[in-house]
């Protein structure tokens, strides 16, 4: 398996080069065109990334999330959900990086094999960064009408969060 993983990319590159020669495509020009397009997309989404990171850091550093969730702590304890996991569940549709930081804190404080650590891991795998995807990728290609995409994506995230809690309760 290790040898296979070392040769896959070079074999793919050689295949692309030979395929380009066969189709009589200027490979170098096509590569430069793709690199230029990728650079332009990066420049287009950079302000959105900076704004989102800035907003999430302010949100997390203010401890507003923990203050609001403190009201729900008795209910969460009743159904065996650690309060520390809730900011991760709330922020997962917005930012994957923020939730990775929260998951890292959970691993440091409770350990990766603890109930909270396993719940955080399952939650990270069961959901996606819906608002992040809509904000960056849709805006970079000019999609303006995201109403149904947002609703379906957030519903899928809610189902993923619910399933993560249920799976962790059942198996751990």
N, C-alpha and C. Protein backbone atom coordinates (compact mmCIF):
# COMPACT_ATOMS: atom_id res chain seq x y z
N UNK A 1 0.83 -1.20 0.00
CA UNK A 1 0.00 0.00 0.00
C UNK A 1 0.87 1.26 0.00
N UNK A 2 1.97 1.23 0.75
CA UNK A 2 2.85 2.39 0.82
C UNK A 2 3.46 2.69 -0.55
N UNK A 3 3.86 1.67 -1.29
CA UNK A 3 4.43 1.86 -2.62
C UNK A 3 3.37 2.42 -3.57
N UNK A 4 2.17 1.91 -3.48
CA UNK A 4 1.08 2.40 -4.33
C UNK A 4 0.81 3.87 -4.09
N UNK A 5 0.80 4.28 -2.83
CA UNK A 5 0.52 5.68 -2.53
C UNK A 5 1.63 6.60 -3.03
N UNK A 6 2.84 6.11 -3.15
CA UNK A 6 3.95 6.92 -3.65
C UNK A 6 3.93 7.08 -5.17
N UNK A 7 3.31 6.16 -5.88
CA UNK A 7 3.34 6.24 -7.34
C UNK A 7 2.06 6.77 -7.97
N UNK A 8 0.99 6.93 -7.20
CA UNK A 8 -0.29 7.35 -7.77
C UNK A 8 -0.20 8.74 -8.41
N UNK A 9 0.34 9.71 -7.71
CA UNK A 9 0.39 11.08 -8.24
C UNK A 9 1.32 11.18 -9.45
N UNK A 10 2.55 10.62 -9.40
CA UNK A 10 3.37 10.69 -10.63
C UNK A 10 2.73 10.00 -11.83
N UNK A 11 2.08 8.87 -11.60
CA UNK A 11 1.40 8.19 -12.70
C UNK A 11 0.28 9.06 -13.25
N UNK A 12 -0.47 9.71 -12.38
CA UNK A 12 -1.55 10.59 -12.83
C UNK A 12 -1.00 11.77 -13.64
N UNK A 13 0.09 12.37 -13.20
CA UNK A 13 0.70 13.49 -13.93
C UNK A 13 1.15 13.03 -15.31
N UNK A 14 1.81 11.88 -15.38
CA UNK A 14 2.25 11.35 -16.68
C UNK A 14 1.04 11.09 -17.57
N UNK A 15 -0.02 10.54 -17.01
CA UNK A 15 -1.23 10.29 -17.79
C UNK A 15 -1.80 11.58 -18.36
N UNK A 16 -1.88 12.63 -17.54
CA UNK A 16 -2.42 13.92 -18.00
C UNK A 16 -1.55 14.49 -19.11
N UNK A 17 -0.23 14.40 -18.97
CA UNK A 17 0.67 14.92 -20.01
C UNK A 17 0.48 14.16 -21.32
N UNK A 18 0.46 12.85 -21.27
CA UNK A 18 0.26 12.07 -22.50
C UNK A 18 -1.13 12.29 -23.10
N UNK A 19 -2.13 12.41 -22.27
CA UNK A 19 -3.48 12.68 -22.76
C UNK A 19 -3.54 14.05 -23.45
N UNK A 20 -2.86 15.03 -22.87
CA UNK A 20 -2.80 16.36 -23.50
C UNK A 20 -2.09 16.32 -24.83
N UNK A 21 -1.00 15.56 -24.93
CA UNK A 21 -0.30 15.42 -26.21
C UNK A 21 -1.20 14.76 -27.24
N UNK A 22 -1.93 13.74 -26.81
CA UNK A 22 -2.81 13.01 -27.73
C UNK A 22 -3.92 13.93 -28.26
N UNK A 23 -4.47 14.78 -27.38
CA UNK A 23 -5.55 15.69 -27.78
C UNK A 23 -5.01 16.99 -28.39
N UNK A 24 -3.68 17.09 -28.51
CA UNK A 24 -3.02 18.26 -29.09
C UNK A 24 -3.37 19.55 -28.33
N UNK A 25 -3.27 19.48 -27.01
CA UNK A 25 -3.52 20.62 -26.13
C UNK A 25 -2.17 21.16 -25.67
N UNK A 26 -2.05 22.46 -25.64
CA UNK A 26 -0.83 23.07 -25.12
C UNK A 26 -0.88 22.94 -23.59
N UNK A 27 -0.17 21.97 -23.07
CA UNK A 27 -0.26 21.62 -21.65
C UNK A 27 0.23 22.76 -20.77
N UNK A 28 1.33 23.36 -21.12
CA UNK A 28 1.89 24.43 -20.31
C UNK A 28 0.96 25.64 -20.27
N UNK A 29 0.38 26.00 -21.43
CA UNK A 29 -0.55 27.13 -21.46
C UNK A 29 -1.81 26.83 -20.65
N UNK A 30 -2.30 25.60 -20.75
CA UNK A 30 -3.48 25.22 -19.97
C UNK A 30 -3.17 25.25 -18.48
N UNK A 31 -1.98 24.83 -18.10
CA UNK A 31 -1.57 24.87 -16.69
C UNK A 31 -1.52 26.31 -16.20
N UNK A 32 -0.92 27.20 -16.98
CA UNK A 32 -0.83 28.61 -16.60
C UNK A 32 -2.21 29.25 -16.49
N UNK A 33 -3.10 28.91 -17.41
CA UNK A 33 -4.47 29.44 -17.38
C UNK A 33 -5.19 29.00 -16.10
N UNK A 34 -5.04 27.72 -15.74
CA UNK A 34 -5.66 27.21 -14.52
C UNK A 34 -5.07 27.84 -13.26
N UNK A 35 -3.74 28.03 -13.26
CA UNK A 35 -3.09 28.65 -12.10
C UNK A 35 -3.56 30.10 -11.95
N UNK A 36 -3.70 30.82 -13.07
CA UNK A 36 -4.15 32.21 -13.02
C UNK A 36 -5.59 32.27 -12.52
N UNK A 37 -6.43 31.37 -12.98
CA UNK A 37 -7.83 31.34 -12.54
C UNK A 37 -7.93 31.00 -11.05
N UNK A 38 -7.11 30.06 -10.57
CA UNK A 38 -7.11 29.71 -9.16
C UNK A 38 -6.65 30.86 -8.29
N UNK A 39 -5.66 31.61 -8.78
CA UNK A 39 -5.17 32.77 -8.04
C UNK A 39 -6.25 33.86 -7.95
N UNK A 40 -6.98 34.06 -9.03
CA UNK A 40 -8.06 35.06 -9.02
C UNK A 40 -9.18 34.66 -8.06
N UNK A 41 -9.51 33.38 -8.02
CA UNK A 41 -10.53 32.91 -7.08
C UNK A 41 -10.05 33.13 -5.65
N UNK A 42 -8.77 32.86 -5.40
CA UNK A 42 -8.22 33.10 -4.05
C UNK A 42 -8.33 34.56 -3.66
N UNK A 43 -8.02 35.46 -4.59
CA UNK A 43 -8.14 36.89 -4.30
C UNK A 43 -9.60 37.28 -4.06
N UNK A 44 -10.53 36.66 -4.77
CA UNK A 44 -11.95 36.99 -4.61
C UNK A 44 -12.51 36.54 -3.26
N UNK A 45 -12.05 35.38 -2.75
CA UNK A 45 -12.63 34.87 -1.50
C UNK A 45 -11.85 35.32 -0.27
N UNK A 46 -10.67 35.90 -0.44
CA UNK A 46 -9.84 36.30 0.70
C UNK A 46 -10.56 37.27 1.64
N UNK A 47 -11.23 38.34 1.16
CA UNK A 47 -11.93 39.23 2.10
C UNK A 47 -13.03 38.52 2.89
N UNK A 48 -13.73 37.60 2.26
CA UNK A 48 -14.77 36.86 2.97
C UNK A 48 -14.17 36.00 4.08
N UNK A 49 -13.04 35.39 3.81
CA UNK A 49 -12.39 34.56 4.82
C UNK A 49 -11.95 35.41 6.01
N UNK A 50 -11.33 36.54 5.74
CA UNK A 50 -10.86 37.43 6.81
C UNK A 50 -12.04 37.89 7.66
N UNK A 51 -13.13 38.31 7.02
CA UNK A 51 -14.30 38.79 7.76
C UNK A 51 -14.89 37.68 8.63
N UNK A 52 -14.98 36.46 8.09
CA UNK A 52 -15.56 35.36 8.84
C UNK A 52 -14.68 34.97 10.03
N UNK A 53 -13.37 34.91 9.83
CA UNK A 53 -12.46 34.57 10.93
C UNK A 53 -12.53 35.63 12.03
N UNK A 54 -12.56 36.89 11.64
CA UNK A 54 -12.64 37.99 12.59
C UNK A 54 -13.94 37.91 13.41
N UNK A 55 -15.06 37.70 12.75
CA UNK A 55 -16.35 37.63 13.44
C UNK A 55 -16.42 36.44 14.39
N UNK A 56 -15.92 35.30 13.98
CA UNK A 56 -15.97 34.11 14.83
C UNK A 56 -15.07 34.27 16.04
N UNK A 57 -13.90 34.87 15.86
CA UNK A 57 -13.01 35.10 17.00
C UNK A 57 -13.63 36.04 18.01
N UNK A 58 -14.28 37.09 17.56
CA UNK A 58 -14.98 37.99 18.48
C UNK A 58 -16.09 37.25 19.21
N UNK A 59 -16.84 36.44 18.49
CA UNK A 59 -17.95 35.68 19.06
C UNK A 59 -17.45 34.71 20.13
N UNK A 60 -16.36 34.00 19.86
CA UNK A 60 -15.85 33.02 20.82
C UNK A 60 -15.17 33.69 22.01
N UNK A 61 -14.40 34.73 21.75
CA UNK A 61 -13.67 35.39 22.83
C UNK A 61 -14.57 36.16 23.79
N UNK A 62 -15.77 36.50 23.36
CA UNK A 62 -16.68 37.24 24.23
C UNK A 62 -17.33 36.35 25.29
N UNK A 63 -17.22 35.02 25.15
CA UNK A 63 -17.87 34.05 26.04
C UNK A 63 -19.39 34.17 26.04
N UNK A 64 -19.94 34.83 25.05
CA UNK A 64 -21.39 34.97 24.92
C UNK A 64 -22.05 33.61 24.80
N UNK A 65 -21.43 32.71 24.05
CA UNK A 65 -22.00 31.38 23.82
C UNK A 65 -22.16 30.63 25.14
N UNK A 66 -21.13 30.67 25.97
CA UNK A 66 -21.18 29.95 27.24
C UNK A 66 -22.19 30.55 28.20
N UNK A 67 -22.36 31.86 28.15
CA UNK A 67 -23.34 32.53 29.01
C UNK A 67 -24.76 32.12 28.62
N UNK A 68 -25.04 32.11 27.34
CA UNK A 68 -26.37 31.74 26.86
C UNK A 68 -26.64 30.26 27.11
N UNK A 69 -25.65 29.42 26.87
CA UNK A 69 -25.85 27.98 27.04
C UNK A 69 -25.93 27.57 28.51
N UNK A 70 -25.46 28.42 29.41
CA UNK A 70 -25.57 28.12 30.84
C UNK A 70 -27.01 27.93 31.28
N UNK A 71 -27.93 28.58 30.60
CA UNK A 71 -29.36 28.44 30.91
C UNK A 71 -29.84 27.01 30.63
N UNK A 72 -29.27 26.39 29.60
CA UNK A 72 -29.71 25.07 29.17
C UNK A 72 -28.93 23.93 29.83
N UNK A 73 -28.00 24.25 30.72
CA UNK A 73 -27.14 23.22 31.31
C UNK A 73 -27.92 22.12 32.05
N UNK A 74 -28.94 22.43 32.85
CA UNK A 74 -29.67 21.34 33.52
C UNK A 74 -30.32 20.36 32.54
N UNK A 75 -30.88 20.87 31.46
CA UNK A 75 -31.51 20.01 30.46
C UNK A 75 -30.45 19.16 29.76
N UNK A 76 -29.32 19.77 29.43
CA UNK A 76 -28.25 19.05 28.75
C UNK A 76 -27.67 17.96 29.64
N UNK A 77 -27.54 18.22 30.94
CA UNK A 77 -27.05 17.21 31.86
C UNK A 77 -28.04 16.05 31.97
N UNK A 78 -29.31 16.37 31.88
CA UNK A 78 -30.34 15.33 31.95
C UNK A 78 -30.23 14.35 30.79
N UNK A 79 -29.89 14.84 29.61
CA UNK A 79 -29.78 13.96 28.43
C UNK A 79 -28.33 13.60 28.12
N UNK A 80 -27.43 13.83 29.09
CA UNK A 80 -26.03 13.41 29.02
C UNK A 80 -25.25 14.06 27.86
N UNK A 81 -25.46 15.35 27.68
CA UNK A 81 -24.69 16.11 26.69
C UNK A 81 -23.86 17.13 27.44
N UNK A 82 -22.53 17.03 27.32
CA UNK A 82 -21.67 17.99 28.02
C UNK A 82 -21.88 19.41 27.47
N UNK A 83 -21.91 20.39 28.35
CA UNK A 83 -22.11 21.78 27.94
C UNK A 83 -20.98 22.26 27.04
N UNK A 84 -19.79 21.69 27.20
CA UNK A 84 -18.63 22.12 26.41
C UNK A 84 -18.77 21.78 24.94
N UNK A 85 -19.64 20.84 24.61
CA UNK A 85 -19.81 20.42 23.21
C UNK A 85 -20.76 21.33 22.45
N UNK A 86 -21.61 22.06 23.16
CA UNK A 86 -22.64 22.87 22.50
C UNK A 86 -22.09 24.01 21.65
N UNK A 87 -21.04 24.73 22.07
CA UNK A 87 -20.50 25.74 21.15
C UNK A 87 -20.02 25.12 19.84
N UNK A 88 -19.48 23.93 19.93
CA UNK A 88 -19.04 23.24 18.72
C UNK A 88 -20.24 22.91 17.82
N UNK A 89 -21.32 22.45 18.42
CA UNK A 89 -22.52 22.12 17.64
C UNK A 89 -23.12 23.37 17.00
N UNK A 90 -23.09 24.48 17.71
CA UNK A 90 -23.66 25.72 17.17
C UNK A 90 -22.79 26.36 16.10
N UNK A 91 -21.47 26.27 16.25
CA UNK A 91 -20.58 26.92 15.31
C UNK A 91 -20.19 26.06 14.11
N UNK A 92 -20.47 24.78 14.16
CA UNK A 92 -20.06 23.88 13.07
C UNK A 92 -20.61 24.32 11.71
N UNK A 93 -21.85 24.76 11.58
CA UNK A 93 -22.31 25.21 10.26
C UNK A 93 -21.60 26.48 9.77
N UNK A 94 -20.95 27.20 10.67
CA UNK A 94 -20.31 28.46 10.30
C UNK A 94 -18.84 28.29 9.98
N UNK A 95 -18.11 27.58 10.82
CA UNK A 95 -16.66 27.51 10.65
C UNK A 95 -16.10 26.17 11.10
N UNK A 96 -15.41 25.51 10.21
CA UNK A 96 -14.74 24.27 10.55
C UNK A 96 -13.52 24.50 11.41
N UNK A 97 -12.80 25.59 11.18
CA UNK A 97 -11.60 25.89 11.94
C UNK A 97 -11.94 26.20 13.40
N UNK A 98 -12.99 26.96 13.62
CA UNK A 98 -13.40 27.26 15.00
C UNK A 98 -13.80 25.99 15.74
N UNK A 99 -14.51 25.11 15.06
CA UNK A 99 -14.93 23.88 15.73
C UNK A 99 -13.75 22.94 15.96
N UNK A 100 -12.76 22.98 15.08
CA UNK A 100 -11.55 22.19 15.35
C UNK A 100 -10.82 22.70 16.58
N UNK A 101 -10.80 24.02 16.76
CA UNK A 101 -10.18 24.60 17.96
C UNK A 101 -10.95 24.19 19.21
N UNK A 102 -12.27 24.21 19.14
CA UNK A 102 -13.09 23.80 20.28
C UNK A 102 -12.87 22.31 20.56
N UNK A 103 -12.81 21.50 19.50
CA UNK A 103 -12.58 20.07 19.67
C UNK A 103 -11.21 19.82 20.30
N UNK A 104 -10.21 20.59 19.89
CA UNK A 104 -8.88 20.46 20.48
C UNK A 104 -8.91 20.78 21.97
N UNK A 105 -9.65 21.82 22.35
CA UNK A 105 -9.79 22.15 23.77
C UNK A 105 -10.48 21.02 24.54
N UNK A 106 -11.48 20.42 23.92
CA UNK A 106 -12.17 19.29 24.56
C UNK A 106 -11.20 18.13 24.74
N UNK A 107 -10.37 17.87 23.72
CA UNK A 107 -9.38 16.80 23.83
C UNK A 107 -8.38 17.08 24.95
N UNK A 108 -7.94 18.34 25.06
CA UNK A 108 -6.98 18.70 26.10
C UNK A 108 -7.60 18.57 27.49
N UNK A 109 -8.84 19.05 27.65
CA UNK A 109 -9.49 19.07 28.97
C UNK A 109 -10.04 17.71 29.39
N UNK A 110 -10.57 16.94 28.43
CA UNK A 110 -11.24 15.69 28.79
C UNK A 110 -10.56 14.44 28.23
N UNK A 111 -9.76 14.61 27.19
CA UNK A 111 -9.12 13.48 26.53
C UNK A 111 -9.92 13.04 25.32
N UNK A 112 -9.25 12.52 24.30
CA UNK A 112 -9.96 12.10 23.08
C UNK A 112 -10.81 10.86 23.27
N UNK A 113 -10.49 10.04 24.28
CA UNK A 113 -11.27 8.83 24.51
C UNK A 113 -12.39 9.01 25.53
N UNK A 114 -12.58 10.23 26.00
CA UNK A 114 -13.68 10.51 26.93
C UNK A 114 -14.98 10.60 26.14
N UNK A 115 -16.07 10.63 26.87
CA UNK A 115 -17.37 10.76 26.21
C UNK A 115 -17.44 12.07 25.42
N UNK A 116 -16.98 13.17 26.02
CA UNK A 116 -17.01 14.46 25.33
C UNK A 116 -16.09 14.45 24.11
N UNK A 117 -14.93 13.81 24.21
CA UNK A 117 -14.01 13.73 23.09
C UNK A 117 -14.58 12.91 21.93
N UNK A 118 -15.21 11.81 22.26
CA UNK A 118 -15.82 10.99 21.21
C UNK A 118 -17.01 11.71 20.58
N UNK A 119 -17.80 12.37 21.41
CA UNK A 119 -18.94 13.14 20.88
C UNK A 119 -18.45 14.25 19.96
N UNK A 120 -17.38 14.93 20.34
CA UNK A 120 -16.82 15.98 19.49
C UNK A 120 -16.33 15.41 18.16
N UNK A 121 -15.70 14.26 18.20
CA UNK A 121 -15.20 13.63 16.97
C UNK A 121 -16.33 13.23 16.04
N UNK A 122 -17.36 12.61 16.61
CA UNK A 122 -18.50 12.19 15.79
C UNK A 122 -19.23 13.42 15.23
N UNK A 123 -19.37 14.44 16.04
CA UNK A 123 -20.02 15.68 15.60
C UNK A 123 -19.25 16.32 14.46
N UNK A 124 -17.93 16.32 14.54
CA UNK A 124 -17.10 16.91 13.48
C UNK A 124 -17.31 16.15 12.16
N UNK A 125 -17.51 14.85 12.25
CA UNK A 125 -17.68 14.05 11.04
C UNK A 125 -19.10 14.03 10.49
N UNK A 126 -20.09 14.36 11.30
CA UNK A 126 -21.49 14.26 10.87
C UNK A 126 -22.06 15.54 10.29
N UNK A 127 -21.32 16.63 10.34
CA UNK A 127 -21.85 17.90 9.88
C UNK A 127 -20.89 18.57 8.91
N UNK A 128 -21.37 19.63 8.30
CA UNK A 128 -20.55 20.38 7.35
C UNK A 128 -20.64 21.86 7.68
N UNK A 129 -19.79 22.64 7.07
CA UNK A 129 -19.75 24.08 7.28
C UNK A 129 -20.62 24.77 6.24
N UNK A 130 -21.91 24.66 6.40
CA UNK A 130 -22.88 25.12 5.41
C UNK A 130 -22.75 26.61 5.11
N UNK A 131 -22.77 27.44 6.13
CA UNK A 131 -22.73 28.89 5.89
C UNK A 131 -21.39 29.29 5.29
N UNK A 132 -20.33 28.64 5.71
CA UNK A 132 -19.00 28.89 5.14
C UNK A 132 -19.00 28.56 3.65
N UNK A 133 -19.56 27.42 3.29
CA UNK A 133 -19.61 27.01 1.88
C UNK A 133 -20.44 28.00 1.08
N UNK A 134 -21.59 28.38 1.61
CA UNK A 134 -22.44 29.33 0.88
C UNK A 134 -21.75 30.68 0.73
N UNK A 135 -21.14 31.17 1.79
CA UNK A 135 -20.53 32.50 1.77
C UNK A 135 -19.34 32.55 0.83
N UNK A 136 -18.49 31.56 0.87
CA UNK A 136 -17.27 31.63 0.09
C UNK A 136 -17.43 31.09 -1.32
N UNK A 137 -17.87 29.85 -1.43
CA UNK A 137 -17.88 29.23 -2.74
C UNK A 137 -18.97 29.80 -3.64
N UNK A 138 -20.15 30.02 -3.08
CA UNK A 138 -21.21 30.59 -3.91
C UNK A 138 -20.87 32.01 -4.34
N UNK A 139 -20.29 32.80 -3.41
CA UNK A 139 -19.96 34.17 -3.79
C UNK A 139 -18.81 34.22 -4.78
N UNK A 140 -17.91 33.25 -4.74
CA UNK A 140 -16.78 33.28 -5.67
C UNK A 140 -17.20 32.97 -7.10
N UNK A 141 -18.33 32.28 -7.27
CA UNK A 141 -18.79 32.00 -8.63
C UNK A 141 -20.02 32.82 -9.00
N UNK A 142 -20.43 33.72 -8.10
CA UNK A 142 -21.49 34.67 -8.42
C UNK A 142 -22.91 34.20 -8.19
N UNK A 143 -23.13 33.15 -7.41
CA UNK A 143 -24.48 32.69 -7.11
C UNK A 143 -25.09 33.65 -6.09
N UNK A 144 -26.23 34.23 -6.42
CA UNK A 144 -26.87 35.21 -5.54
C UNK A 144 -28.05 34.63 -4.76
N UNK A 145 -28.80 33.74 -5.36
CA UNK A 145 -30.00 33.21 -4.72
C UNK A 145 -29.66 31.89 -4.01
N UNK A 146 -29.48 31.96 -2.71
CA UNK A 146 -29.09 30.79 -1.93
C UNK A 146 -30.15 30.38 -0.92
N UNK A 147 -31.35 30.89 -1.07
CA UNK A 147 -32.39 30.65 -0.07
C UNK A 147 -32.62 29.16 0.19
N UNK A 148 -32.84 28.39 -0.84
CA UNK A 148 -33.12 26.97 -0.64
C UNK A 148 -31.87 26.21 -0.23
N UNK A 149 -30.72 26.62 -0.73
CA UNK A 149 -29.47 25.96 -0.35
C UNK A 149 -29.21 26.13 1.13
N UNK A 150 -29.44 27.32 1.64
CA UNK A 150 -29.22 27.59 3.06
C UNK A 150 -30.15 26.74 3.92
N UNK A 151 -31.43 26.71 3.59
CA UNK A 151 -32.39 25.93 4.36
C UNK A 151 -32.08 24.44 4.37
N UNK A 152 -31.79 23.90 3.20
CA UNK A 152 -31.49 22.47 3.10
C UNK A 152 -30.18 22.16 3.82
N UNK A 153 -29.18 23.01 3.66
CA UNK A 153 -27.90 22.78 4.32
C UNK A 153 -28.01 22.83 5.84
N UNK A 154 -28.73 23.81 6.36
CA UNK A 154 -28.91 23.91 7.81
C UNK A 154 -29.75 22.76 8.37
N UNK A 155 -30.74 22.32 7.59
CA UNK A 155 -31.53 21.16 8.01
C UNK A 155 -30.64 19.91 8.06
N UNK A 156 -29.78 19.75 7.05
CA UNK A 156 -28.86 18.62 7.04
C UNK A 156 -27.90 18.69 8.23
N UNK A 157 -27.46 19.89 8.58
CA UNK A 157 -26.60 20.05 9.76
C UNK A 157 -27.34 19.68 11.03
N UNK A 158 -28.60 20.10 11.15
CA UNK A 158 -29.40 19.75 12.33
C UNK A 158 -29.57 18.24 12.44
N UNK A 159 -29.83 17.58 11.32
CA UNK A 159 -29.94 16.11 11.33
C UNK A 159 -28.60 15.49 11.71
N UNK A 160 -27.51 16.02 11.17
CA UNK A 160 -26.18 15.50 11.49
C UNK A 160 -25.84 15.66 12.96
N UNK A 161 -26.17 16.81 13.53
CA UNK A 161 -25.91 17.05 14.96
C UNK A 161 -26.73 16.09 15.81
N UNK A 162 -28.00 15.94 15.47
CA UNK A 162 -28.88 15.03 16.21
C UNK A 162 -28.37 13.59 16.12
N UNK A 163 -28.00 13.17 14.93
CA UNK A 163 -27.50 11.80 14.75
C UNK A 163 -26.18 11.61 15.49
N UNK A 164 -25.32 12.64 15.50
CA UNK A 164 -24.06 12.54 16.24
C UNK A 164 -24.33 12.31 17.73
N UNK A 165 -25.28 13.04 18.29
CA UNK A 165 -25.62 12.86 19.70
C UNK A 165 -26.18 11.45 19.94
N UNK A 166 -27.08 11.01 19.06
CA UNK A 166 -27.69 9.69 19.24
C UNK A 166 -26.67 8.56 19.09
N UNK A 167 -25.82 8.64 18.09
CA UNK A 167 -24.81 7.60 17.87
C UNK A 167 -23.85 7.52 19.05
N UNK A 168 -23.44 8.66 19.54
CA UNK A 168 -22.52 8.67 20.66
C UNK A 168 -23.17 8.13 21.92
N UNK A 169 -24.44 8.47 22.14
CA UNK A 169 -25.14 7.95 23.32
C UNK A 169 -25.32 6.44 23.22
N UNK A 170 -25.60 5.94 22.02
CA UNK A 170 -25.84 4.51 21.85
C UNK A 170 -24.56 3.68 21.95
N UNK A 171 -23.49 4.15 21.36
CA UNK A 171 -22.29 3.34 21.26
C UNK A 171 -21.21 3.65 22.28
N UNK A 172 -21.28 4.80 22.93
CA UNK A 172 -20.22 5.16 23.88
C UNK A 172 -20.84 5.48 25.22
